[in-house]
Amino acid sequence: MIRIGYLLLGSLSLLLGGIGIVLPLLPTVPFMLLAAFFFARSHPRFERWLVEHPRFGPHIQAWRSRGAISRRGKTSAFAALAASALLGLFLLDFPWSLLPLIACTASGTWIATRPDA
């Protein structure tokens, strides 16, 4: 039963990652990392396909071996976080406008502390 749950969660993560390829603010690689995590526990063939994939595989391997994020990934994440924080500042009333800024600052700080892939 748990294996089926992991398979469903892996499939959902893969779907969201696929959608993220065409939607600019939806991240792709984090969902692929999550899919690989779930597939490792439910369907080794799907996990192997993701880890050996020419586009996603290097990111998954770098994350698994060193917890590393590519410079391009960091730059994209920082740009998306900045856009989100600015939108929150302009579209929300005070003090709610500070919540996206706080969340983006915390997320950005965590991302900045990861090694470069």
PDB file of N, CA and C in Angstrom:
ATOM      1  N   MET A   1       0.817  -1.198   0.000  1.00  0.00           N
ATOM      2  CA  MET A   1       0.000   0.000   0.000  1.00  0.00           C
ATOM      3  C   MET A   1       0.863   1.265   0.000  1.00  0.00           C
ATOM      4  N   ILE A   2       1.925   1.261   0.835  1.00  0.00           N
ATOM      5  CA  ILE A   2       2.811   2.420   0.901  1.00  0.00           C
ATOM      6  C   ILE A   2       3.537   2.600  -0.428  1.00  0.00           C
ATOM      7  N   ARG A   3       3.918   1.480  -1.041  1.00  0.00           N
ATOM      8  CA  ARG A   3       4.613   1.552  -2.336  1.00  0.00           C
ATOM      9  C   ARG A   3       3.738   2.234  -3.392  1.00  0.00           C
ATOM     10  N   ILE A   4       2.467   1.932  -3.380  1.00  0.00           N
ATOM     11  CA  ILE A   4       1.543   2.567  -4.324  1.00  0.00           C
ATOM     12  C   ILE A   4       1.454   4.072  -4.044  1.00  0.00           C
ATOM     13  N   GLY A   5       1.437   4.434  -2.765  1.00  0.00           N
ATOM     14  CA  GLY A   5       1.422   5.857  -2.403  1.00  0.00           C
ATOM     15  C   GLY A   5       2.655   6.578  -2.906  1.00  0.00           C
ATOM     16  N   TYR A   6       3.822   5.949  -2.732  1.00  0.00           N
ATOM     17  CA  TYR A   6       5.060   6.555  -3.246  1.00  0.00           C
ATOM     18  C   TYR A   6       5.024   6.658  -4.776  1.00  0.00           C
ATOM     19  N   LEU A   7       4.483   5.644  -5.419  1.00  0.00           N
ATOM     20  CA  LEU A   7       4.383   5.677  -6.878  1.00  0.00           C
ATOM     21  C   LEU A   7       3.472   6.816  -7.331  1.00  0.00           C
ATOM     22  N   LEU A   8       2.354   6.993  -6.646  1.00  0.00           N
ATOM     23  CA  LEU A   8       1.439   8.089  -6.993  1.00  0.00           C
ATOM     24  C   LEU A   8       2.087   9.455  -6.741  1.00  0.00           C
ATOM     25  N   LEU A   9       2.763   9.590  -5.608  1.00  0.00           N
ATOM     26  CA  LEU A   9       3.438  10.858  -5.309  1.00  0.00           C
ATOM     27  C   LEU A   9       4.567  11.130  -6.301  1.00  0.00           C
ATOM     28  N   GLY A  10       5.295  10.087  -6.689  1.00  0.00           N
ATOM     29  CA  GLY A  10       6.341  10.249  -7.701  1.00  0.00           C
ATOM     30  C   GLY A  10       5.759  10.665  -9.037  1.00  0.00           C
ATOM     31  N   SER A  11       4.651  10.074  -9.413  1.00  0.00           N
ATOM     32  CA  SER A  11       3.994  10.428 -10.673  1.00  0.00           C
ATOM     33  C   SER A  11       3.479  11.868 -10.644  1.00  0.00           C
ATOM     34  N   LEU A  12       2.905  12.266  -9.511  1.00  0.00           N
ATOM     35  CA  LEU A  12       2.430  13.641  -9.366  1.00  0.00           C
ATOM     36  C   LEU A  12       3.598  14.626  -9.440  1.00  0.00           C
ATOM     37  N   SER A  13       4.695  14.304  -8.777  1.00  0.00           N
ATOM     38  CA  SER A  13       5.877  15.170  -8.824  1.00  0.00           C
ATOM     39  C   SER A  13       6.423  15.272 -10.244  1.00  0.00           C
ATOM     40  N   LEU A  14       6.453  14.155 -10.949  1.00  0.00           N
ATOM     41  CA  LEU A  14       6.918  14.151 -12.336  1.00  0.00           C
ATOM     42  C   LEU A  14       6.005  15.009 -13.207  1.00  0.00           C
ATOM     43  N   LEU A  15       4.709  14.900 -12.999  1.00  0.00           N
ATOM     44  CA  LEU A  15       3.747  15.716 -13.745  1.00  0.00           C
ATOM     45  C   LEU A  15       3.953  17.202 -13.467  1.00  0.00           C
ATOM     46  N   LEU A  16       4.088  17.558 -12.193  1.00  0.00           N
ATOM     47  CA  LEU A  16       4.301  18.970 -11.846  1.00  0.00           C
ATOM     48  C   LEU A  16       5.626  19.482 -12.406  1.00  0.00           C
ATOM     49  N   GLY A  17       6.652  18.651 -12.375  1.00  0.00           N
ATOM     50  CA  GLY A  17       7.925  19.034 -12.980  1.00  0.00           C
ATOM     51  C   GLY A  17       7.795  19.233 -14.482  1.00  0.00           C
ATOM     52  N   GLY A  18       7.015  18.382 -15.123  1.00  0.00           N
ATOM     53  CA  GLY A  18       6.776  18.542 -16.562  1.00  0.00           C
ATOM     54  C   GLY A  18       6.028  19.823 -16.875  1.00  0.00           C
ATOM     55  N   ILE A  19       5.060  20.157 -16.050  1.00  0.00           N
ATOM     56  CA  ILE A  19       4.336  21.416 -16.227  1.00  0.00           C
ATOM     57  C   ILE A  19       5.290  22.589 -16.009  1.00  0.00           C
ATOM     58  N   GLY A  20       6.223  22.422 -15.057  1.00  0.00           N
ATOM     59  CA  GLY A  20       7.194  23.470 -14.779  1.00  0.00           C
ATOM     60  C   GLY A  20       8.113  23.776 -15.948  1.00  0.00           C
ATOM     61  N   ILE A  21       8.240  22.845 -16.884  1.00  0.00           N
ATOM     62  CA  ILE A  21       9.058  23.099 -18.071  1.00  0.00           C
ATOM     63  C   ILE A  21       8.463  24.227 -18.900  1.00  0.00           C
ATOM     64  N   VAL A  22       7.137  24.298 -18.960  1.00  0.00           N
ATOM     65  CA  VAL A  22       6.494  25.315 -19.801  1.00  0.00           C
ATOM     66  C   VAL A  22       5.984  26.524 -19.014  1.00  0.00           C
ATOM     67  N   LEU A  23       5.794  26.383 -17.694  1.00  0.00           N
ATOM     68  CA  LEU A  23       5.363  27.516 -16.871  1.00  0.00           C
ATOM     69  C   LEU A  23       6.581  28.105 -16.163  1.00  0.00           C
ATOM     70  N   PRO A  24       6.893  29.355 -16.423  1.00  0.00           N
ATOM     71  CA  PRO A  24       8.153  29.918 -15.929  1.00  0.00           C
ATOM     72  C   PRO A  24       8.331  29.953 -14.410  1.00  0.00           C
ATOM     73  N   LEU A  25       7.289  30.164 -13.630  1.00  0.00           N
ATOM     74  CA  LEU A  25       7.471  30.294 -12.184  1.00  0.00           C
ATOM     75  C   LEU A  25       7.320  28.989 -11.416  1.00  0.00           C
ATOM     76  N   LEU A  26       6.958  27.907 -12.094  1.00  0.00           N
ATOM     77  CA  LEU A  26       6.858  26.607 -11.442  1.00  0.00           C
ATOM     78  C   LEU A  26       8.199  25.892 -11.629  1.00  0.00           C
ATOM     79  N   PRO A  27       8.893  25.566 -10.533  1.00  0.00           N
ATOM     80  CA  PRO A  27      10.222  24.961 -10.679  1.00  0.00           C
ATOM     81  C   PRO A  27      10.144  23.535 -11.205  1.00  0.00           C
ATOM     82  N   THR A  28      11.102  23.172 -12.029  1.00  0.00           N
ATOM     83  CA  THR A  28      11.127  21.838 -12.605  1.00  0.00           C
ATOM     84  C   THR A  28      12.004  20.896 -11.791  1.00  0.00           C
ATOM     85  N   VAL A  29      13.249  21.282 -11.564  1.00  0.00           N
ATOM     86  CA  VAL A  29      14.212  20.370 -10.932  1.00  0.00           C
ATOM     87  C   VAL A  29      13.795  19.932  -9.526  1.00  0.00           C
ATOM     88  N   PRO A  30      13.282  20.820  -8.658  1.00  0.00           N
ATOM     89  CA  PRO A  30      12.867  20.314  -7.343  1.00  0.00           C
ATOM     90  C   PRO A  30      11.803  19.221  -7.424  1.00  0.00           C
ATOM     91  N   PHE A  31      10.905  19.343  -8.377  1.00  0.00           N
ATOM     92  CA  PHE A  31       9.890  18.300  -8.534  1.00  0.00           C
ATOM     93  C   PHE A  31      10.504  17.017  -9.079  1.00  0.00           C
ATOM     94  N   MET A  32      11.517  17.138  -9.934  1.00  0.00           N
ATOM     95  CA  MET A  32      12.203  15.946 -10.440  1.00  0.00           C
ATOM     96  C   MET A  32      12.993  15.271  -9.313  1.00  0.00           C
ATOM     97  N   LEU A  33      13.596  16.072  -8.439  1.00  0.00           N
ATOM     98  CA  LEU A  33      14.280  15.507  -7.270  1.00  0.00           C
ATOM     99  C   LEU A  33      13.297  14.740  -6.392  1.00  0.00           C
ATOM    100  N   LEU A  34      12.146  15.341  -6.189  1.00  0.00           N
ATOM    101  CA  LEU A  34      11.112  14.706  -5.384  1.00  0.00           C
ATOM    102  C   LEU A  34      10.608  13.426  -6.058  1.00  0.00           C
ATOM    103  N   ALA A  35      10.427  13.476  -7.371  1.00  0.00           N
ATOM    104  CA  ALA A  35       9.986  12.288  -8.106  1.00  0.00           C
ATOM    105  C   ALA A  35      11.016  11.164  -7.969  1.00  0.00           C
ATOM    106  N   ALA A  36      12.306  11.506  -8.089  1.00  0.00           N
ATOM    107  CA  ALA A  36      13.350  10.485  -7.945  1.00  0.00           C
ATOM    108  C   ALA A  36      13.321   9.883  -6.543  1.00  0.00           C
ATOM    109  N   PHE A  37      13.090  10.717  -5.538  1.00  0.00           N
ATOM    110  CA  PHE A  37      12.988  10.231  -4.151  1.00  0.00           C
ATOM    111  C   PHE A  37      11.850   9.221  -4.026  1.00  0.00           C
ATOM    112  N   PHE A  38      10.680   9.580  -4.530  1.00  0.00           N
ATOM    113  CA  PHE A  38       9.519   8.686  -4.412  1.00  0.00           C
ATOM    114  C   PHE A  38       9.680   7.429  -5.262  1.00  0.00           C
ATOM    115  N   PHE A  39      10.236   7.578  -6.470  1.00  0.00           N
ATOM    116  CA  PHE A  39      10.412   6.414  -7.339  1.00  0.00           C
ATOM    117  C   PHE A  39      11.466   5.457  -6.773  1.00  0.00           C
ATOM    118  N   ALA A  40      12.453   5.977  -6.041  1.00  0.00           N
ATOM    119  CA  ALA A  40      13.463   5.106  -5.431  1.00  0.00           C
ATOM    120  C   ALA A  40      12.818   4.151  -4.440  1.00  0.00           C
ATOM    121  N   ARG A  41      11.684   4.552  -3.895  1.00  0.00           N
ATOM    122  CA  ARG A  41      10.990   3.735  -2.914  1.00  0.00           C
ATOM    123  C   ARG A  41       9.830   2.935  -3.510  1.00  0.00           C
ATOM    124  N   SER A  42       9.550   3.155  -4.795  1.00  0.00           N
ATOM    125  CA  SER A  42       8.392   2.472  -5.355  1.00  0.00           C
ATOM    126  C   SER A  42       8.653   1.807  -6.704  1.00  0.00           C
ATOM    127  N   HIS A  43       9.450   2.424  -7.549  1.00  0.00           N
ATOM    128  CA  HIS A  43       9.631   1.913  -8.907  1.00  0.00           C
ATOM    129  C   HIS A  43      11.055   2.206  -9.372  1.00  0.00           C
ATOM    130  N   PRO A  44      12.006   1.306  -9.098  1.00  0.00           N
ATOM    131  CA  PRO A  44      13.410   1.562  -9.414  1.00  0.00           C
ATOM    132  C   PRO A  44      13.683   1.871 -10.888  1.00  0.00           C
ATOM    133  N   ARG A  45      12.881   1.319 -11.777  1.00  0.00           N
ATOM    134  CA  ARG A  45      13.094   1.588 -13.202  1.00  0.00           C
ATOM    135  C   ARG A  45      12.829   3.054 -13.526  1.00  0.00           C
ATOM    136  N   PHE A  46      11.774   3.620 -12.955  1.00  0.00           N
ATOM    137  CA  PHE A  46      11.480   5.042 -13.166  1.00  0.00           C
ATOM    138  C   PHE A  46      12.565   5.913 -12.543  1.00  0.00           C
ATOM    139  N   GLU A  47      13.046   5.504 -11.365  1.00  0.00           N
ATOM    140  CA  GLU A  47      14.122   6.267 -10.724  1.00  0.00           C
ATOM    141  C   GLU A  47      15.367   6.250 -11.593  1.00  0.00           C
ATOM    142  N   ARG A  48      15.732   5.085 -12.097  1.00  0.00           N
ATOM    143  CA  ARG A  48      16.914   4.965 -12.961  1.00  0.00           C
ATOM    144  C   ARG A  48      16.763   5.841 -14.208  1.00  0.00           C
ATOM    145  N   TRP A  49      15.566   5.854 -14.782  1.00  0.00           N
ATOM    146  CA  TRP A  49      15.326   6.695 -15.959  1.00  0.00           C
ATOM    147  C   TRP A  49      15.576   8.166 -15.625  1.00  0.00           C
ATOM    148  N   LEU A  50      15.089   8.630 -14.482  1.00  0.00           N
ATOM    149  CA  LEU A  50      15.297  10.027 -14.085  1.00  0.00           C
ATOM    150  C   LEU A  50      16.770  10.325 -13.811  1.00  0.00           C
ATOM    151  N   VAL A  51      17.437   9.441 -13.081  1.00  0.00           N
ATOM    152  CA  VAL A  51      18.837   9.673 -12.721  1.00  0.00           C
ATOM    153  C   VAL A  51      19.731   9.645 -13.956  1.00  0.00           C
ATOM    154  N   GLU A  52      19.373   8.853 -14.950  1.00  0.00           N
ATOM    155  CA  GLU A  52      20.168   8.768 -16.181  1.00  0.00           C
ATOM    156  C   GLU A  52      19.700   9.732 -17.273  1.00  0.00           C
ATOM    157  N   HIS A  53      18.652  10.482 -17.011  1.00  0.00           N
ATOM    158  CA  HIS A  53      18.125  11.429 -17.987  1.00  0.00           C
ATOM    159  C   HIS A  53      19.185  12.498 -18.268  1.00  0.00           C
ATOM    160  N   PRO A  54      19.417  12.829 -19.549  1.00  0.00           N
ATOM    161  CA  PRO A  54      20.473  13.805 -19.862  1.00  0.00           C
ATOM    162  C   PRO A  54      20.216  15.205 -19.299  1.00  0.00           C
ATOM    163  N   ARG A  55      18.986  15.591 -19.130  1.00  0.00           N
ATOM    164  CA  ARG A  55      18.660  16.937 -18.644  1.00  0.00           C
ATOM    165  C   ARG A  55      18.538  17.006 -17.120  1.00  0.00           C
ATOM    166  N   PHE A  56      17.854  16.037 -16.529  1.00  0.00           N
ATOM    167  CA  PHE A  56      17.587  16.075 -15.091  1.00  0.00           C
ATOM    168  C   PHE A  56      18.596  15.280 -14.273  1.00  0.00           C
ATOM    169  N   GLY A  57      19.184  14.257 -14.872  1.00  0.00           N
ATOM    170  CA  GLY A  57      20.106  13.374 -14.165  1.00  0.00           C
ATOM    171  C   GLY A  57      21.256  14.074 -13.459  1.00  0.00           C
ATOM    172  N   PRO A  58      21.969  14.990 -14.140  1.00  0.00           N
ATOM    173  CA  PRO A  58      23.087  15.664 -13.457  1.00  0.00           C
ATOM    174  C   PRO A  58      22.651  16.452 -12.225  1.00  0.00           C
ATOM    175  N   HIS A  59      21.482  17.072 -12.275  1.00  0.00           N
ATOM    176  CA  HIS A  59      20.977  17.822 -11.121  1.00  0.00           C
ATOM    177  C   HIS A  59      20.647  16.876  -9.960  1.00  0.00           C
ATOM    178  N   ILE A  60      20.027  15.761 -10.276  1.00  0.00           N
ATOM    179  CA  ILE A  60      19.671  14.781  -9.253  1.00  0.00           C
ATOM    180  C   ILE A  60      20.941  14.199  -8.627  1.00  0.00           C
ATOM    181  N   GLN A  61      21.910  13.847  -9.461  1.00  0.00           N
ATOM    182  CA  GLN A  61      23.160  13.266  -8.950  1.00  0.00           C
ATOM    183  C   GLN A  61      23.929  14.269  -8.102  1.00  0.00           C
ATOM    184  N   ALA A  62      23.984  15.532  -8.524  1.00  0.00           N
ATOM    185  CA  ALA A  62      24.686  16.559  -7.742  1.00  0.00           C
ATOM    186  C   ALA A  62      24.003  16.771  -6.400  1.00  0.00           C
ATOM    187  N   TRP A  63      22.676  16.753  -6.400  1.00  0.00           N
ATOM    188  CA  TRP A  63      21.950  16.941  -5.145  1.00  0.00           C
ATOM    189  C   TRP A  63      22.178  15.756  -4.207  1.00  0.00           C
ATOM    190  N   ARG A  64      22.105  14.546  -4.758  1.00  0.00           N
ATOM    191  CA  ARG A  64      22.257  13.360  -3.923  1.00  0.00           C
ATOM    192  C   ARG A  64      23.673  13.218  -3.364  1.00  0.00           C
ATOM    193  N   SER A  65      24.665  13.568  -4.156  1.00  0.00           N
ATOM    194  CA  SER A  65      26.040  13.358  -3.702  1.00  0.00           C
ATOM    195  C   SER A  65      26.561  14.472  -2.802  1.00  0.00           C
ATOM    196  N   ARG A  66      26.190  15.742  -3.107  1.00  0.00           N
ATOM    197  CA  ARG A  66      26.773  16.863  -2.361  1.00  0.00           C
ATOM    198  C   ARG A  66      25.750  17.876  -1.869  1.00  0.00           C
ATOM    199  N   GLY A  67      24.472  17.666  -2.142  1.00  0.00           N
ATOM    200  CA  GLY A  67      23.473  18.667  -1.779  1.00  0.00           C
ATOM    201  C   GLY A  67      23.677  19.945  -2.564  1.00  0.00           C
ATOM    202  N   ALA A  68      24.180  19.814  -3.793  1.00  0.00           N
ATOM    203  CA  ALA A  68      24.587  20.965  -4.595  1.00  0.00           C
ATOM    204  C   ALA A  68      23.488  21.403  -5.562  1.00  0.00           C
ATOM    205  N   ILE A  69      23.470  22.712  -5.826  1.00  0.00           N
ATOM    206  CA  ILE A  69      22.552  23.323  -6.788  1.00  0.00           C
ATOM    207  C   ILE A  69      23.400  24.081  -7.793  1.00  0.00           C
ATOM    208  N   SER A  70      23.076  23.964  -9.075  1.00  0.00           N
ATOM    209  CA  SER A  70      23.858  24.646 -10.105  1.00  0.00           C
ATOM    210  C   SER A  70      23.738  26.164  -9.970  1.00  0.00           C
ATOM    211  N   ARG A  71      24.740  26.869 -10.470  1.00  0.00           N
ATOM    212  CA  ARG A  71      24.693  28.340 -10.427  1.00  0.00           C
ATOM    213  C   ARG A  71      23.493  28.858 -11.200  1.00  0.00           C
ATOM    214  N   ARG A  72      23.220  28.245 -12.323  1.00  0.00           N
ATOM    215  CA  ARG A  72      22.064  28.665 -13.122  1.00  0.00           C
ATOM    216  C   ARG A  72      20.767  28.440 -12.342  1.00  0.00           C
ATOM    217  N   GLY A  73      20.686  27.328 -11.639  1.00  0.00           N
ATOM    218  CA  GLY A  73      19.510  27.051 -10.815  1.00  0.00           C
ATOM    219  C   GLY A  73      19.358  28.056  -9.691  1.00  0.00           C
ATOM    220  N   LYS A  74      20.479  28.403  -9.066  1.00  0.00           N
ATOM    221  CA  LYS A  74      20.438  29.405  -8.003  1.00  0.00           C
ATOM    222  C   LYS A  74      19.996  30.756  -8.549  1.00  0.00           C
ATOM    223  N   THR A  75      20.560  31.145  -9.693  1.00  0.00           N
ATOM    224  CA  THR A  75      20.206  32.432 -10.301  1.00  0.00           C
ATOM    225  C   THR A  75      18.716  32.481 -10.634  1.00  0.00           C
ATOM    226  N   SER A  76      18.211  31.403 -11.209  1.00  0.00           N
ATOM    227  CA  SER A  76      16.780  31.344 -11.538  1.00  0.00           C
ATOM    228  C   SER A  76      15.929  31.401 -10.278  1.00  0.00           C
ATOM    229  N   ALA A  77      16.346  30.687  -9.252  1.00  0.00           N
ATOM    230  CA  ALA A  77      15.589  30.692  -7.999  1.00  0.00           C
ATOM    231  C   ALA A  77      15.580  32.085  -7.378  1.00  0.00           C
ATOM    232  N   PHE A  78      16.732  32.752  -7.372  1.00  0.00           N
ATOM    233  CA  PHE A  78      16.798  34.102  -6.799  1.00  0.00           C
ATOM    234  C   PHE A  78      15.917  35.075  -7.573  1.00  0.00           C
ATOM    235  N   ALA A  79      15.904  34.944  -8.901  1.00  0.00           N
ATOM    236  CA  ALA A  79      15.065  35.829  -9.715  1.00  0.00           C
ATOM    237  C   ALA A  79      13.579  35.594  -9.412  1.00  0.00           C
ATOM    238  N   ALA A  80      13.187  34.326  -9.315  1.00  0.00           N
ATOM    239  CA  ALA A  80      11.786  34.014  -9.017  1.00  0.00           C
ATOM    240  C   ALA A  80      11.411  34.473  -7.601  1.00  0.00           C
ATOM    241  N   LEU A  81      12.319  34.300  -6.656  1.00  0.00           N
ATOM    242  CA  LEU A  81      12.051  34.750  -5.289  1.00  0.00           C
ATOM    243  C   LEU A  81      11.917  36.268  -5.222  1.00  0.00           C
ATOM    244  N   ALA A  82      12.796  36.961  -5.927  1.00  0.00           N
ATOM    245  CA  ALA A  82      12.725  38.432  -5.938  1.00  0.00           C
ATOM    246  C   ALA A  82      11.416  38.905  -6.554  1.00  0.00           C
ATOM    247  N   ALA A  83      11.012  38.279  -7.657  1.00  0.00           N
ATOM    248  CA  ALA A  83       9.753  38.655  -8.304  1.00  0.00           C
ATOM    249  C   ALA A  83       8.571  38.396  -7.362  1.00  0.00           C
ATOM    250  N   SER A  84       8.603  37.264  -6.666  1.00  0.00           N
ATOM    251  CA  SER A  84       7.525  36.944  -5.726  1.00  0.00           C
ATOM    252  C   SER A  84       7.470  37.945  -4.572  1.00  0.00           C
ATOM    253  N   ALA A  85       8.633  38.297  -4.038  1.00  0.00           N
ATOM    254  CA  ALA A  85       8.673  39.247  -2.925  1.00  0.00           C
ATOM    255  C   ALA A  85       8.169  40.622  -3.369  1.00  0.00           C
ATOM    256  N   LEU A  86       8.571  41.042  -4.559  1.00  0.00           N
ATOM    257  CA  LEU A  86       8.117  42.348  -5.068  1.00  0.00           C
ATOM    258  C   LEU A  86       6.612  42.358  -5.315  1.00  0.00           C
ATOM    259  N   LEU A  87       6.105  41.279  -5.884  1.00  0.00           N
ATOM    260  CA  LEU A  87       4.661  41.187  -6.099  1.00  0.00           C
ATOM    261  C   LEU A  87       3.916  41.283  -4.774  1.00  0.00           C
ATOM    262  N   GLY A  88       4.411  40.582  -3.767  1.00  0.00           N
ATOM    263  CA  GLY A  88       3.785  40.639  -2.454  1.00  0.00           C
ATOM    264  C   GLY A  88       3.815  42.034  -1.866  1.00  0.00           C
ATOM    265  N   LEU A  89       4.944  42.721  -2.029  1.00  0.00           N
ATOM    266  CA  LEU A  89       5.063  44.075  -1.480  1.00  0.00           C
ATOM    267  C   LEU A  89       4.090  45.041  -2.147  1.00  0.00           C
ATOM    268  N   PHE A  90       3.871  44.869  -3.454  1.00  0.00           N
ATOM    269  CA  PHE A  90       3.008  45.797  -4.181  1.00  0.00           C
ATOM    270  C   PHE A  90       1.526  45.432  -4.148  1.00  0.00           C
ATOM    271  N   LEU A  91       1.231  44.136  -4.035  1.00  0.00           N
ATOM    272  CA  LEU A  91      -0.165  43.709  -4.151  1.00  0.00           C
ATOM    273  C   LEU A  91      -0.863  43.446  -2.815  1.00  0.00           C
ATOM    274  N   LEU A  92      -0.106  43.281  -1.761  1.00  0.00           N
ATOM    275  CA  LEU A  92      -0.711  42.975  -0.461  1.00  0.00           C
ATOM    276  C   LEU A  92      -0.638  44.175   0.469  1.00  0.00           C
ATOM    277  N   ASP A  93      -1.587  44.235   1.379  1.00  0.00           N
ATOM    278  CA  ASP A  93      -1.581  45.297   2.382  1.00  0.00           C
ATOM    279  C   ASP A  93      -0.609  44.948   3.506  1.00  0.00           C
ATOM    280  N   PHE A  94      -0.109  45.982   4.124  1.00  0.00           N
ATOM    281  CA  PHE A  94       0.756  45.811   5.288  1.00  0.00           C
ATOM    282  C   PHE A  94      -0.071  45.249   6.438  1.00  0.00           C
ATOM    283  N   PRO A  95       0.332  44.321   7.197  1.00  0.00           N
ATOM    284  CA  PRO A  95       1.634  43.677   7.312  1.00  0.00           C
ATOM    285  C   PRO A  95       1.769  42.416   6.465  1.00  0.00           C
ATOM    286  N   TRP A  96       0.701  42.034   5.762  1.00  0.00           N
ATOM    287  CA  TRP A  96       0.735  40.813   4.940  1.00  0.00           C
ATOM    288  C   TRP A  96       1.777  40.890   3.840  1.00  0.00           C
ATOM    289  N   SER A  97       2.083  42.083   3.395  1.00  0.00           N
ATOM    290  CA  SER A  97       3.069  42.249   2.331  1.00  0.00           C
ATOM    291  C   SER A  97       4.459  41.808   2.768  1.00  0.00           C
ATOM    292  N   LEU A  98       4.685  41.713   4.069  1.00  0.00           N
ATOM    293  CA  LEU A  98       5.992  41.293   4.569  1.00  0.00           C
ATOM    294  C   LEU A  98       6.175  39.776   4.555  1.00  0.00           C
ATOM    295  N   LEU A  99       5.083  39.032   4.532  1.00  0.00           N
ATOM    296  CA  LEU A  99       5.190  37.570   4.565  1.00  0.00           C
ATOM    297  C   LEU A  99       5.947  36.993   3.362  1.00  0.00           C
ATOM    298  N   PRO A 100       5.620  37.405   2.120  1.00  0.00           N
ATOM    299  CA  PRO A 100       6.411  36.883   1.001  1.00  0.00           C
ATOM    300  C   PRO A 100       7.877  37.296   1.084  1.00  0.00           C
ATOM    301  N   LEU A 101       8.131  38.497   1.556  1.00  0.00           N
ATOM    302  CA  LEU A 101       9.510  38.968   1.697  1.00  0.00           C
ATOM    303  C   LEU A 101      10.273  38.105   2.705  1.00  0.00           C
ATOM    304  N   ILE A 102       9.648  37.801   3.818  1.00  0.00           N
ATOM    305  CA  ILE A 102      10.288  36.963   4.839  1.00  0.00           C
ATOM    306  C   ILE A 102      10.521  35.544   4.304  1.00  0.00           C
ATOM    307  N   ALA A 103       9.515  34.977   3.648  1.00  0.00           N
ATOM    308  CA  ALA A 103       9.636  33.625   3.098  1.00  0.00           C
ATOM    309  C   ALA A 103      10.718  33.558   2.024  1.00  0.00           C
ATOM    310  N   CYS A 104      10.753  34.566   1.159  1.00  0.00           N
ATOM    311  CA  CYS A 104      11.753  34.584   0.092  1.00  0.00           C
ATOM    312  C   CYS A 104      13.155  34.790   0.652  1.00  0.00           C
ATOM    313  N   THR A 105      13.279  35.597   1.680  1.00  0.00           N
ATOM    314  CA  THR A 105      14.588  35.801   2.304  1.00  0.00           C
ATOM    315  C   THR A 105      15.082  34.506   2.952  1.00  0.00           C
ATOM    316  N   ALA A 106      14.203  33.828   3.648  1.00  0.00           N
ATOM    317  CA  ALA A 106      14.590  32.559   4.276  1.00  0.00           C
ATOM    318  C   ALA A 106      14.962  31.519   3.215  1.00  0.00           C
ATOM    319  N   SER A 107      14.144  31.403   2.176  1.00  0.00           N
ATOM    320  CA  SER A 107      14.422  30.434   1.106  1.00  0.00           C
ATOM    321  C   SER A 107      15.714  30.776   0.370  1.00  0.00           C
ATOM    322  N   GLY A 108      15.889  32.040   0.068  1.00  0.00           N
ATOM    323  CA  GLY A 108      17.089  32.487  -0.643  1.00  0.00           C
ATOM    324  C   GLY A 108      18.349  32.247   0.165  1.00  0.00           C
ATOM    325  N   THR A 109      18.255  32.474   1.464  1.00  0.00           N
ATOM    326  CA  THR A 109      19.409  32.216   2.334  1.00  0.00           C
ATOM    327  C   THR A 109      19.780  30.745   2.341  1.00  0.00           C
ATOM    328  N   TRP A 110      18.782  29.885   2.422  1.00  0.00           N
ATOM    329  CA  TRP A 110      19.038  28.450   2.394  1.00  0.00           C
ATOM    330  C   TRP A 110      19.665  28.044   1.064  1.00  0.00           C
ATOM    331  N   ILE A 111      19.120  28.542  -0.048  1.00  0.00           N
ATOM    332  CA  ILE A 111      19.654  28.205  -1.372  1.00  0.00           C
ATOM    333  C   ILE A 111      21.096  28.681  -1.500  1.00  0.00           C
ATOM    334  N   ALA A 112      21.386  29.883  -0.996  1.00  0.00           N
ATOM    335  CA  ALA A 112      22.739  30.437  -1.099  1.00  0.00           C
ATOM    336  C   ALA A 112      23.761  29.605  -0.332  1.00  0.00           C
ATOM    337  N   THR A 113      23.318  28.898   0.706  1.00  0.00           N
ATOM    338  CA  THR A 113      24.264  28.105   1.494  1.00  0.00           C
ATOM    339  C   THR A 113      24.550  26.748   0.878  1.00  0.00           C
ATOM    340  N   ARG A 114      23.837  26.356  -0.149  1.00  0.00           N
ATOM    341  CA  ARG A 114      24.094  25.071  -0.810  1.00  0.00           C
ATOM    342  C   ARG A 114      25.340  25.208  -1.681  1.00  0.00           C
ATOM    343  N   PRO A 115      26.142  24.147  -1.793  1.00  0.00           N
ATOM    344  CA  PRO A 115      27.310  24.216  -2.667  1.00  0.00           C
ATOM    345  C   PRO A 115      26.895  24.331  -4.137  1.00  0.00           C
ATOM    346  N   ASP A 116      27.796  24.870  -4.944  1.00  0.00           N
ATOM    347  CA  ASP A 116      27.549  24.971  -6.393  1.00  0.00           C
ATOM    348  C   ASP A 116      27.835  23.630  -7.064  1.00  0.00           C
ATOM    349  N   ALA A 117      26.948  23.266  -7.974  1.00  0.00           N
ATOM    350  CA  ALA A 117      27.130  22.015  -8.724  1.00  0.00           C
ATOM    351  C   ALA A 117      28.016  22.267  -9.923  1.00  0.00           C
TER     352      ALA A 117
END
